[in-house]
Amino acid sequence: MVMKGLTLRGLEVFEALARTGSVAQAAEITGLSQPSVSQQLRNLEKALGTDLVDHGRRPMRLTQAGRSFLARTESVLAELQMAQSELSVMDLGHLTTLSIGLIDDFDNDLTPRLATLLADSLTRSKFKLITLSSLDLFEALEAQRLHMAISAHSGEVLEGVVEYPLVQDPFILATPKGAGGVEAALRDLPFLRYAREQLISRQIEGHLARQQMEFEERFEIGSHMALMAMVARGLGWAITTPLGYMRAARFHDGLEVHPAPFGAFSRTISLFTRTDWSDQVPKEVAGMTRRLMQNQIIDPALAQVPWLNDQLKVID
């Protein structure tokens, strides 16, 4: 039995306070008044029988009990948000076929969950889900081999295609842990590039060219995981994105990430469909995908790299 006074609203308020350290910002996030935020926190602390924050400090700091309880709170809220996403899945039983392609950036997190949710909704349909590079996905969509594709935007005008933006994914710098910071890494280590034929490489190289930045061409790597492994081994530095960084979780012990020192730039991840198939289904799949991205990727990324706040975000 849940103890009296422990409410979902109280948990949401506590999480917002822990993240911002400010009653005003927590009120803005939760949509409550500042007195209501303070009251919710008092009710929660009374229910638990302990102080969760040091009320004598500004910005607020968590107590040891608060830090311990925050981990549980974040887990509970994430599970509730995921349950809400799953309950919000549309009924796709009227479709006879559905084919969707995704870039492999989501293999660890989003793709398995999305495949499960879609398959559960396609009660009488033929379902196909594949992962390809962005450029191959656009080709398959144009050739009508796919109904929908989730990919980075190429920056080009796509005739006969409807776009549903999902996520803004900023470019960041990845360096070996202990390399001495950004300046030392750029000075002492080589640039590890994505393979030239990849869309992400074209976007990075285009930005560097506009900034009139040139680096020696020694390494060109077609595998994202191999690229991150090389950075973690101290063989060089790379430009990637938070989605790419989170996908390389097994190498995080050897990586550090920093804001891109060549001017801020980002890519947009979107759901694309042909205009002759742009009914309610793509819009609903896009909405479900945004919720999954927020819960599965963005929230964990911001917890690890808080300076990405307002840069890595869902596009409503």
Protein backbone atom coordinates (compact mmCIF):
# COMPACT_ATOMS: atom_id res chain seq x y z
CA MET A 1 0.00 0.00 0.00
CA VAL A 2 1.29 3.49 -0.93
CA MET A 3 1.69 5.64 2.19
CA LYS A 4 -0.76 8.48 2.73
CA GLY A 5 0.44 11.80 1.30
CA LEU A 6 2.64 10.22 -1.39
CA THR A 7 1.16 11.49 -4.67
CA LEU A 8 2.15 11.52 -8.32
CA ARG A 9 1.98 15.32 -8.33
CA GLY A 10 4.31 15.41 -5.33
CA LEU A 11 6.83 13.21 -7.15
CA GLU A 12 6.65 15.40 -10.26
CA VAL A 13 7.23 18.52 -8.18
CA PHE A 14 10.16 16.95 -6.32
CA GLU A 15 11.80 15.82 -9.58
CA ALA A 16 11.41 19.30 -11.07
CA LEU A 17 12.85 20.92 -7.93
CA ALA A 18 15.78 18.51 -7.89
CA ARG A 19 16.50 19.25 -11.56
CA THR A 20 16.29 23.04 -11.33
CA GLY A 21 16.95 23.92 -7.67
CA SER A 22 14.31 26.62 -8.04
CA VAL A 23 10.69 26.81 -6.86
CA ALA A 24 9.95 29.29 -9.67
CA GLN A 25 11.31 27.00 -12.38
CA ALA A 26 9.62 23.96 -10.86
CA ALA A 27 6.33 25.89 -10.91
CA GLU A 28 6.84 26.71 -14.59
CA ILE A 29 7.61 23.08 -15.45
CA THR A 30 4.68 21.60 -13.52
CA GLY A 31 2.15 24.35 -14.27
CA LEU A 32 1.53 25.01 -10.56
CA SER A 33 1.83 28.20 -8.57
CA GLN A 34 4.95 28.67 -6.45
CA PRO A 35 3.00 28.28 -3.17
CA SER A 36 1.51 25.04 -4.51
CA VAL A 37 4.99 23.74 -5.37
CA SER A 38 6.19 24.48 -1.84
CA GLN A 39 3.11 22.82 -0.36
CA GLN A 40 3.55 19.71 -2.50
CA LEU A 41 7.14 19.39 -1.30
CA ARG A 42 6.12 19.83 2.35
CA ASN A 43 3.41 17.18 1.94
CA LEU A 44 5.89 14.76 0.40
CA GLU A 45 8.50 15.32 3.11
CA LYS A 46 5.83 14.88 5.79
CA ALA A 47 4.67 11.62 4.22
CA LEU A 48 8.25 10.31 4.10
CA GLY A 49 9.17 11.65 7.51
CA THR A 50 12.40 13.29 6.33
CA ASP A 51 13.72 16.41 4.58
CA LEU A 52 14.47 15.86 0.91
CA VAL A 53 16.07 19.28 0.32
CA ASP A 54 18.15 21.65 2.40
CA HIS A 55 15.66 24.48 2.83
CA GLY A 56 18.33 26.88 4.03
CA ARG A 57 20.24 26.98 0.72
CA ARG A 58 19.53 28.68 -2.59
CA PRO A 59 19.51 27.14 -5.08
CA MET A 60 18.03 24.20 -3.23
CA ARG A 61 20.33 21.27 -2.61
CA LEU A 62 19.18 17.71 -2.04
CA THR A 63 19.89 16.04 1.25
CA GLN A 64 21.38 12.55 1.28
CA ALA A 65 17.86 11.17 1.69
CA GLY A 66 16.73 13.36 -1.19
CA ARG A 67 19.44 12.05 -3.51
CA SER A 68 18.48 8.48 -2.69
CA PHE A 69 14.77 9.15 -3.16
CA LEU A 70 15.36 11.03 -6.45
CA ALA A 71 16.69 7.89 -8.14
CA ARG A 72 13.51 6.03 -7.20
CA THR A 73 11.34 8.96 -8.23
CA GLU A 74 12.93 9.20 -11.68
CA SER A 75 12.45 5.46 -12.17
CA VAL A 76 8.78 5.62 -11.16
CA LEU A 77 8.04 8.62 -13.39
CA ALA A 78 9.84 7.02 -16.34
CA GLU A 79 7.79 3.84 -15.98
CA LEU A 80 4.56 5.83 -15.76
CA GLN A 81 5.46 7.85 -18.85
CA MET A 82 6.28 4.65 -20.72
CA ALA A 83 2.98 3.12 -19.67
CA GLN A 84 1.21 6.23 -20.93
CA SER A 85 3.00 5.92 -24.26
CA GLU A 86 1.98 2.30 -24.62
CA LEU A 87 -1.64 3.04 -23.74
CA SER A 88 -1.63 5.86 -26.30
CA VAL A 89 -0.81 3.56 -29.20
CA MET A 90 -3.39 3.91 -31.93
CA ASP A 91 -5.45 1.07 -33.34
CA LEU A 92 -3.77 0.08 -36.60
CA GLY A 93 -5.93 -2.96 -37.15
CA HIS A 94 -7.52 -1.41 -40.25
CA LEU A 95 -4.19 -1.47 -42.14
CA THR A 96 -3.41 -4.39 -44.44
CA THR A 97 0.33 -3.62 -44.59
CA LEU A 98 2.78 -1.31 -42.85
CA SER A 99 6.47 -0.93 -43.65
CA ILE A 100 8.73 1.41 -41.74
CA GLY A 101 12.46 2.04 -41.79
CA LEU A 102 14.70 3.61 -39.14
CA ILE A 103 18.30 4.73 -38.96
CA ASP A 104 20.42 2.45 -36.80
CA ASP A 105 20.98 5.20 -34.19
CA PHE A 106 18.02 3.74 -32.29
CA ASP A 107 18.89 0.04 -32.31
CA ASN A 108 19.69 -0.03 -28.58
CA ASP A 109 16.65 1.81 -27.27
CA LEU A 110 13.86 3.03 -29.49
CA THR A 111 13.62 0.50 -32.31
CA PRO A 112 12.88 -2.60 -30.16
CA ARG A 113 10.17 -0.77 -28.18
CA LEU A 114 8.63 0.80 -31.29
CA ALA A 115 8.59 -2.54 -33.12
CA THR A 116 6.81 -4.18 -30.19
CA LEU A 117 4.19 -1.45 -29.85
CA LEU A 118 3.44 -1.33 -33.57
CA ALA A 119 3.27 -5.11 -33.89
CA ASP A 120 0.81 -5.25 -30.98
CA SER A 121 -1.44 -2.76 -32.77
CA LEU A 122 -1.28 -4.45 -36.18
CA THR A 123 -3.71 -7.22 -35.39
CA ARG A 124 -4.38 -8.32 -38.97
CA SER A 125 -1.62 -6.65 -40.94
CA LYS A 126 1.59 -7.52 -42.71
CA PHE A 127 4.34 -5.62 -40.88
CA LYS A 128 7.90 -4.86 -41.98
CA LEU A 129 10.53 -2.91 -40.00
CA ILE A 130 14.09 -2.42 -41.23
CA THR A 131 17.15 -0.35 -40.33
CA LEU A 132 19.19 1.39 -43.01
CA SER A 133 21.34 4.47 -43.46
CA SER A 134 19.52 7.78 -43.92
CA LEU A 135 20.30 7.97 -47.62
CA ASP A 136 19.14 4.39 -48.22
CA LEU A 137 15.92 5.11 -46.32
CA PHE A 138 15.13 8.08 -48.57
CA GLU A 139 15.77 5.93 -51.63
CA ALA A 140 13.46 3.19 -50.34
CA LEU A 141 10.76 5.74 -49.51
CA GLU A 142 10.99 7.30 -52.98
CA ALA A 143 10.80 3.85 -54.59
CA GLN A 144 7.67 3.16 -52.48
CA ARG A 145 9.28 0.21 -50.72
CA LEU A 146 8.50 1.89 -47.38
CA HIS A 147 5.42 3.67 -46.07
CA MET A 148 7.40 5.66 -43.47
CA ALA A 149 11.02 6.36 -42.58
CA ILE A 150 12.56 7.81 -39.40
CA SER A 151 15.79 9.51 -40.35
CA ALA A 152 17.94 12.60 -40.10
CA HIS A 153 16.81 15.29 -42.53
CA SER A 154 19.15 15.62 -45.48
CA GLY A 155 18.64 19.36 -45.78
CA GLU A 156 17.32 18.93 -49.30
CA VAL A 157 13.82 19.65 -50.56
CA LEU A 158 12.05 16.30 -50.80
CA GLU A 159 9.38 16.25 -53.49
CA GLY A 160 6.24 14.27 -52.70
CA VAL A 161 7.24 13.75 -49.06
CA VAL A 162 5.59 14.93 -45.83
CA GLU A 163 7.86 15.52 -42.83
CA TYR A 164 6.95 15.21 -39.14
CA PRO A 165 9.92 16.60 -37.11
CA LEU A 166 10.68 14.53 -34.01
CA VAL A 167 13.91 15.56 -32.29
CA GLN A 168 16.55 18.26 -32.44
CA ASP A 169 19.91 16.46 -32.07
CA PRO A 170 22.85 18.88 -31.64
CA PHE A 171 26.37 18.05 -32.72
CA ILE A 172 28.85 17.67 -29.87
CA LEU A 173 32.55 16.94 -29.50
CA ALA A 174 33.66 13.55 -28.15
CA THR A 175 37.18 13.27 -26.73
CA PRO A 176 39.04 10.57 -24.80
CA LYS A 177 38.60 10.83 -21.04
CA GLY A 178 41.67 12.43 -19.54
CA ALA A 179 42.81 14.02 -22.81
CA GLY A 180 43.26 17.37 -21.06
CA GLY A 181 40.20 19.16 -22.38
CA VAL A 182 39.02 20.34 -25.77
CA GLU A 183 42.04 22.45 -26.73
CA ALA A 184 44.52 19.71 -25.87
CA ALA A 185 42.52 17.06 -27.74
CA LEU A 186 42.25 19.18 -30.88
CA ARG A 187 45.95 20.03 -30.71
CA ASP A 188 47.38 16.61 -29.91
CA LEU A 189 44.99 14.10 -31.46
CA PRO A 190 43.67 13.48 -35.00
CA PHE A 191 40.10 14.00 -36.17
CA LEU A 192 38.22 10.70 -36.52
CA ARG A 193 35.69 11.24 -39.31
CA TYR A 194 32.54 9.39 -40.24
CA ALA A 195 32.75 7.81 -43.69
CA ARG A 196 32.20 10.39 -46.41
CA GLU A 197 29.23 8.58 -47.97
CA GLN A 198 27.22 8.87 -44.74
CA LEU A 199 24.72 11.71 -44.32
CA ILE A 200 26.07 12.63 -40.87
CA SER A 201 29.53 13.06 -42.40
CA ARG A 202 28.19 15.39 -45.09
CA GLN A 203 26.45 17.50 -42.44
CA ILE A 204 29.59 17.74 -40.29
CA GLU A 205 31.94 18.44 -43.19
CA GLY A 206 29.57 21.06 -44.59
CA HIS A 207 29.52 22.90 -41.26
CA LEU A 208 33.32 22.77 -40.91
CA ALA A 209 33.67 24.13 -44.44
CA ARG A 210 31.34 27.04 -43.65
CA GLN A 211 33.45 27.75 -40.55
CA GLN A 212 36.60 27.54 -42.71
CA MET A 213 37.97 24.79 -40.47
CA GLU A 214 40.31 22.18 -41.96
CA PHE A 215 41.77 19.06 -40.33
CA GLU A 216 44.16 16.43 -41.61
CA GLU A 217 42.37 13.53 -43.30
CA ARG A 218 43.74 10.33 -41.76
CA PHE A 219 40.81 8.34 -40.40
CA GLU A 220 37.43 7.73 -42.04
CA ILE A 221 35.24 5.25 -40.17
CA GLY A 222 31.96 3.83 -41.46
CA SER A 223 30.87 2.24 -38.17
CA HIS A 224 29.61 4.55 -35.44
CA MET A 225 30.45 2.07 -32.68
CA ALA A 226 33.97 1.59 -34.05
CA LEU A 227 34.40 5.36 -34.14
CA MET A 228 33.35 5.73 -30.50
CA ALA A 229 35.60 2.81 -29.51
CA MET A 230 38.57 4.55 -31.13
CA VAL A 231 37.86 7.78 -29.28
CA ALA A 232 37.53 5.89 -25.98
CA ARG A 233 40.93 4.23 -26.66
CA GLY A 234 42.55 7.65 -27.03
CA LEU A 235 43.16 7.40 -30.78
CA GLY A 236 41.50 10.71 -31.65
CA TRP A 237 38.46 12.94 -31.25
CA ALA A 238 35.20 12.97 -33.15
CA ILE A 239 32.12 15.05 -33.79
CA THR A 240 28.92 13.15 -33.05
CA THR A 241 25.50 13.82 -31.51
CA PRO A 242 23.86 12.98 -28.16
CA LEU A 243 21.88 10.18 -29.83
CA GLY A 244 25.15 8.70 -31.04
CA TYR A 245 26.80 9.17 -27.66
CA MET A 246 23.95 7.44 -25.81
CA ARG A 247 24.06 4.54 -28.25
CA ALA A 248 27.73 4.01 -27.35
CA ALA A 249 27.00 3.51 -23.63
CA ARG A 250 29.53 0.68 -23.29
CA PHE A 251 32.35 3.15 -24.08
CA HIS A 252 31.25 5.94 -21.74
CA ASP A 253 33.97 5.14 -19.20
CA GLY A 254 36.53 6.26 -21.78
CA LEU A 255 34.65 9.23 -23.26
CA GLU A 256 34.05 12.88 -22.47
CA VAL A 257 31.63 15.06 -24.41
CA HIS A 258 31.74 18.84 -24.85
CA PRO A 259 29.83 21.53 -26.74
CA ALA A 260 31.02 21.73 -30.34
CA PRO A 261 33.81 24.37 -30.40
CA PHE A 262 33.16 25.25 -34.07
CA GLY A 263 29.82 27.02 -33.59
CA ALA A 264 26.53 25.43 -32.57
CA PHE A 265 24.81 23.25 -35.17
CA SER A 266 22.34 20.39 -35.06
CA ARG A 267 20.46 17.87 -37.15
CA THR A 268 16.74 17.15 -37.15
CA ILE A 269 15.41 13.62 -36.81
CA SER A 270 12.03 13.34 -38.52
CA LEU A 271 9.42 10.86 -39.64
CA PHE A 272 8.92 11.00 -43.40
CA THR A 273 6.10 9.59 -45.47
CA ARG A 274 4.88 10.01 -49.02
CA THR A 275 2.12 12.53 -49.68
CA ASP A 276 -0.12 9.76 -50.99
CA TRP A 277 0.09 8.06 -47.57
CA SER A 278 -0.10 11.11 -45.30
CA ASP A 279 -3.27 10.23 -43.37
CA GLN A 280 -3.70 10.09 -39.59
CA VAL A 281 -1.44 7.04 -39.15
CA PRO A 282 1.93 8.80 -39.72
CA LYS A 283 0.87 11.64 -37.42
CA GLU A 284 -0.02 9.19 -34.65
CA VAL A 285 3.16 7.15 -35.13
CA ALA A 286 5.17 10.38 -34.97
CA GLY A 287 3.49 11.32 -31.69
CA MET A 288 4.18 7.92 -30.17
CA THR A 289 7.78 8.05 -31.38
CA ARG A 290 8.32 11.46 -29.77
CA ARG A 291 7.12 10.10 -26.42
CA LEU A 292 9.38 7.07 -26.71
CA MET A 293 12.37 9.23 -27.65
CA GLN A 294 11.77 11.49 -24.67
CA ASN A 295 11.57 8.58 -22.22
CA GLN A 296 14.11 6.20 -23.74
CA ILE A 297 16.83 8.56 -24.95
CA ILE A 298 16.46 12.26 -24.16
CA ASP A 299 15.71 12.05 -20.42
CA PRO A 300 18.64 9.65 -19.75
CA ALA A 301 20.93 11.82 -21.92
CA LEU A 302 20.04 15.01 -20.04
CA ALA A 303 20.59 13.24 -16.74
CA GLN A 304 24.15 12.40 -17.84
CA VAL A 305 24.91 15.61 -19.77
CA PRO A 306 22.77 18.38 -18.24
CA TRP A 307 24.35 21.14 -20.34
CA LEU A 308 22.45 19.69 -23.31
CA ASN A 309 19.21 21.03 -21.83
CA ASP A 310 17.36 23.19 -24.43
CA GLN A 311 19.60 21.78 -27.17
CA LEU A 312 18.56 18.12 -27.25
CA LYS A 313 14.77 18.16 -27.30
CA VAL A 314 11.59 16.81 -28.81
CA ILE A 315 10.07 18.96 -31.54
CA ASP A 316 6.31 19.16 -30.98
